[in-house]
C-alpha atoms as a PDB file:
ATOM      1  CA  MET A   1      11.853   8.300   0.732  1.00  0.00           C
ATOM      2  CA  ALA A   2       8.461   9.654  -0.220  1.00  0.00           C
ATOM      3  CA  ASN A   3       6.720   7.007   1.881  1.00  0.00           C
ATOM      4  CA  ALA A   4       8.951   7.875   4.850  1.00  0.00           C
ATOM      5  CA  ALA A   5       7.965  11.525   4.513  1.00  0.00           C
ATOM      6  CA  VAL A   6       4.269  10.613   4.430  1.00  0.00           C
ATOM      7  CA  VAL A   7       4.662   8.437   7.529  1.00  0.00           C
ATOM      8  CA  GLY A   8       6.485  11.247   9.333  1.00  0.00           C
ATOM      9  CA  LEU A   9       3.700  13.662   8.452  1.00  0.00           C
ATOM     10  CA  MET A  10       1.105  11.148   9.632  1.00  0.00           C
ATOM     11  CA  ASN A  11       2.861  10.776  12.995  1.00  0.00           C
ATOM     12  CA  SER A  12       3.017  14.526  13.501  1.00  0.00           C
ATOM     13  CA  LEU A  13      -0.605  15.063  12.479  1.00  0.00           C
ATOM     14  CA  ALA A  14      -1.857  12.230  14.686  1.00  0.00           C
ATOM     15  CA  VAL A  15      -0.448  14.066  17.691  1.00  0.00           C
ATOM     16  CA  GLN A  16      -1.212  17.636  16.619  1.00  0.00           C
ATOM     17  CA  ILE A  17      -4.821  17.254  15.508  1.00  0.00           C
ATOM     18  CA  ALA A  18      -5.920  14.585  17.984  1.00  0.00           C
ATOM     19  CA  PRO A  19      -8.567  13.299  18.555  1.00  0.00           C
ATOM     20  CA  VAL A  20      -8.928  13.255  14.762  1.00  0.00           C
ATOM     21  CA  ARG A  21      -7.544   9.927  13.539  1.00  0.00           C
ATOM     22  CA  VAL A  22      -4.763   9.964  10.955  1.00  0.00           C
ATOM     23  CA  ASN A  23      -3.554   6.861   9.109  1.00  0.00           C
ATOM     24  CA  THR A  24      -1.643   6.241   5.912  1.00  0.00           C
ATOM     25  CA  ILE A  25      -1.464   3.556   3.261  1.00  0.00           C
ATOM     26  CA  THR A  26       1.845   2.852   1.582  1.00  0.00           C
ATOM     27  CA  PRO A  27       1.299   0.584  -1.385  1.00  0.00           C
ATOM     28  CA  GLY A  28       4.025  -1.389  -3.011  1.00  0.00           C
ATOM     29  CA  VAL A  29       3.993  -2.255  -6.694  1.00  0.00           C
ATOM     30  CA  VAL A  30       0.343  -2.318  -7.799  1.00  0.00           C
ATOM     31  CA  ALA A  31      -0.949  -4.629 -10.526  1.00  0.00           C
ATOM     32  CA  GLY A  32      -4.252  -4.565 -12.330  1.00  0.00           C
ATOM     33  CA  THR A  33      -3.823  -1.095 -13.799  1.00  0.00           C
ATOM     34  CA  ASP A  34      -3.638  -0.074 -17.442  1.00  0.00           C
ATOM     35  CA  ALA A  35       0.070   0.637 -17.020  1.00  0.00           C
ATOM     36  CA  VAL A  36       0.637  -3.004 -16.080  1.00  0.00           C
ATOM     37  CA  GLU A  37      -1.902  -4.605 -18.383  1.00  0.00           C
ATOM     38  CA  ASP A  38      -0.703  -2.674 -21.444  1.00  0.00           C
ATOM     39  CA  ALA A  39       2.991  -3.015 -20.622  1.00  0.00           C
ATOM     40  CA  ASP A  40       5.500  -4.349 -23.087  1.00  0.00           C
ATOM     41  CA  PRO A  41       6.534  -8.018 -22.620  1.00  0.00           C
ATOM     42  CA  GLU A  42       9.748  -7.182 -20.751  1.00  0.00           C
ATOM     43  CA  ARG A  43       7.968  -4.981 -18.247  1.00  0.00           C
ATOM     44  CA  ARG A  44       5.183  -7.550 -17.845  1.00  0.00           C
ATOM     45  CA  LYS A  45       7.845 -10.187 -17.110  1.00  0.00           C
ATOM     46  CA  ALA A  46       9.316  -7.902 -14.432  1.00  0.00           C
ATOM     47  CA  TYR A  47       5.895  -7.571 -12.787  1.00  0.00           C
ATOM     48  CA  GLU A  48       5.497 -11.351 -12.845  1.00  0.00           C
ATOM     49  CA  LYS A  49       8.883 -11.757 -11.137  1.00  0.00           C
ATOM     50  CA  LEU A  50       7.846  -9.272  -8.471  1.00  0.00           C
ATOM     51  CA  ALA A  51       4.588 -11.152  -7.923  1.00  0.00           C
ATOM     52  CA  ASP A  52       6.497 -14.429  -7.549  1.00  0.00           C
ATOM     53  CA  ARG A  53       8.487 -12.870  -4.682  1.00  0.00           C
ATOM     54  CA  THR A  54       5.368 -12.306  -2.591  1.00  0.00           C
ATOM     55  CA  PRO A  55       4.029 -15.006  -0.269  1.00  0.00           C
ATOM     56  CA  GLY A  56       0.664 -14.992  -2.072  1.00  0.00           C
ATOM     57  CA  LYS A  57       2.303 -14.949  -5.516  1.00  0.00           C
ATOM     58  CA  ARG A  58       0.327 -11.852  -6.508  1.00  0.00           C
ATOM     59  CA  LEU A  59       0.701  -8.104  -6.413  1.00  0.00           C
ATOM     60  CA  PRO A  60      -1.943  -5.944  -4.782  1.00  0.00           C
ATOM     61  CA  THR A  61      -4.581  -4.401  -7.018  1.00  0.00           C
ATOM     62  CA  PRO A  62      -6.277  -1.023  -6.760  1.00  0.00           C
ATOM     63  CA  ASP A  63      -9.246  -2.874  -5.235  1.00  0.00           C
ATOM     64  CA  ASP A  64      -6.978  -4.190  -2.455  1.00  0.00           C
ATOM     65  CA  ILE A  65      -5.904  -0.633  -1.664  1.00  0.00           C
ATOM     66  CA  VAL A  66      -9.515   0.567  -1.570  1.00  0.00           C
ATOM     67  CA  ARG A  67     -10.375  -2.246   0.856  1.00  0.00           C
ATOM     68  CA  ALA A  68      -7.428  -1.244   3.035  1.00  0.00           C
ATOM     69  CA  ALA A  69      -8.712   2.339   3.098  1.00  0.00           C
ATOM     70  CA  PHE A  70     -12.152   1.169   4.192  1.00  0.00           C
ATOM     71  CA  ALA A  71     -10.586  -0.943   6.951  1.00  0.00           C
ATOM     72  CA  LEU A  72      -8.802   2.143   8.280  1.00  0.00           C
ATOM     73  CA  ILE A  73     -11.922   4.277   8.003  1.00  0.00           C
ATOM     74  CA  ASP A  74     -14.327   1.763   9.523  1.00  0.00           C
ATOM     75  CA  ASN A  75     -12.326   0.841  12.619  1.00  0.00           C
ATOM     76  CA  PRO A  76     -12.172   3.699  15.143  1.00  0.00           C
ATOM     77  CA  GLY A  77      -9.492   1.855  17.118  1.00  0.00           C
ATOM     78  CA  ILE A  78      -6.944   2.296  14.351  1.00  0.00           C
ATOM     79  CA  ASN A  79      -4.968   5.518  14.652  1.00  0.00           C
ATOM     80  CA  ALA A  80      -1.467   6.582  13.595  1.00  0.00           C
ATOM     81  CA  VAL A  81      -0.974   3.393  11.575  1.00  0.00           C
ATOM     82  CA  GLU A  82       1.037   2.939   8.412  1.00  0.00           C
ATOM     83  CA  LEU A  83      -0.742   0.173   6.528  1.00  0.00           C
ATOM     84  CA  VAL A  84       1.598  -1.406   3.994  1.00  0.00           C
ATOM     85  CA  VAL A  85      -0.331  -2.968   1.101  1.00  0.00           C
ATOM     86  CA  ASP A  86       2.382  -4.791  -0.808  1.00  0.00           C
ATOM     87  CA  GLY A  87       1.277  -8.415  -0.822  1.00  0.00           C
ATOM     88  CA  GLY A  88       4.022  -9.233   1.676  1.00  0.00           C
ATOM     89  CA  MET A  89       6.831  -8.243  -0.695  1.00  0.00           C
ATOM     90  CA  ARG A  90       8.777  -6.699   2.182  1.00  0.00           C
ATOM     91  CA  LEU A  91       9.278 -10.229   3.564  1.00  0.00           C
ATOM     92  CA  ALA A  92      11.125 -11.451   0.477  1.00  0.00           C
END
């Protein structure tokens, strides 16, 4: 629900403050953080199961999200886009 609210805000802002570009990134479950790396074995197993559900068999990392942000910033043709960085988990 929080992501839906952010997307709704992005849509409104893209129209209201045009020509300023407004985009949003909605990450899925993110790996490669201390919370994941230091997790107990049960939680780590849950993250591994989630990663196995993705087409690439990996969860996005914070670095993947940073790269997505740069892609949105660097390309002036991208506006009012929700970029989902979830490793394709939504397909499973």
